Protein backbone atom coordinates (compact mmCIF):
# COMPACT_ATOMS: atom_id res chain seq x y z
CA MET A 1 -19.48 -27.71 6.03
CA SER A 2 -19.77 -27.69 2.12
CA SER A 3 -17.54 -27.34 -0.63
CA TYR A 4 -19.58 -23.92 -1.17
CA SER A 5 -19.11 -22.50 2.00
CA VAL A 6 -15.36 -22.83 2.45
CA GLN A 7 -15.22 -21.53 -0.81
CA ILE A 8 -17.32 -18.20 0.33
CA ILE A 9 -15.30 -18.03 3.73
CA ILE A 10 -11.88 -18.14 1.58
CA THR A 11 -13.24 -15.38 -0.72
CA PHE A 12 -14.32 -13.40 1.96
CA ILE A 13 -10.95 -13.65 3.76
CA PHE A 14 -8.96 -12.58 0.87
CA VAL A 15 -11.36 -9.57 -0.30
CA LEU A 16 -10.94 -8.60 3.29
CA ALA A 17 -7.16 -8.58 3.44
CA ALA A 18 -7.16 -6.61 0.05
CA VAL A 19 -9.41 -4.06 1.16
CA ALA A 20 -7.53 -3.52 4.81
CA TYR A 21 -4.28 -3.38 2.69
CA ALA A 22 -5.75 -0.62 0.28
CA SER A 23 -6.94 1.14 2.99
CA TRP A 24 -3.55 1.05 4.69
CA ARG A 25 -1.82 2.33 1.53
CA ALA A 26 -4.42 5.33 0.98
CA TYR A 27 -3.88 6.15 4.82
CA LYS A 28 -0.14 6.17 4.30
CA ALA A 29 -0.23 8.12 0.98
CA LEU A 30 -2.42 10.74 2.15
CA THR A 31 -0.66 11.19 5.64
CA HIS A 32 2.57 11.32 4.58
CA LYS A 33 2.39 13.92 1.80
CA ASP A 34 5.49 16.35 2.47
CA GLU A 35 7.81 12.79 1.75
CA PRO A 36 8.31 12.09 -1.77
CA CYS A 37 9.66 8.60 -1.28
CA SER A 38 6.83 7.78 1.49
CA GLY A 39 5.92 4.27 2.02
CA CYS A 40 8.15 2.94 -0.86
CA PRO A 41 9.77 -0.09 0.34
CA LEU A 42 13.46 0.95 -1.49
CA LYS A 43 13.51 4.23 0.33
CA GLN A 44 16.49 3.37 2.29
CA SER A 45 18.63 2.16 -0.66
CA CYS A 46 16.99 4.45 -3.25
CA ASP A 47 19.18 7.64 -4.07
CA LYS A 48 16.27 9.37 -5.53
CA SER A 49 15.61 11.56 -2.58
CA ALA A 50 19.03 13.22 -2.23
CA LYS A 51 18.62 14.40 -6.47
CA LYS A 52 17.04 17.55 -6.78
CA ARG A 53 13.91 17.36 -8.61
CA PRO A 54 12.40 19.79 -11.47
CA ASN A 55 9.65 21.91 -10.11
CA GLY A 56 9.66 20.38 -7.05
CA LEU A 57 8.31 17.30 -7.84
């Protein structure tokens, strides 16, 4: 296998991983609209959900 082929394979793997991650995040954002902190890694420790948001935000 040439160096160029290895480079193409590694690039393909990174692009595929990025597309999969972006798709997963988009799916989570679109299916959990009712939760304001949905998908946030700090959701458990953050107190934003306990505070009232102006204008329903």
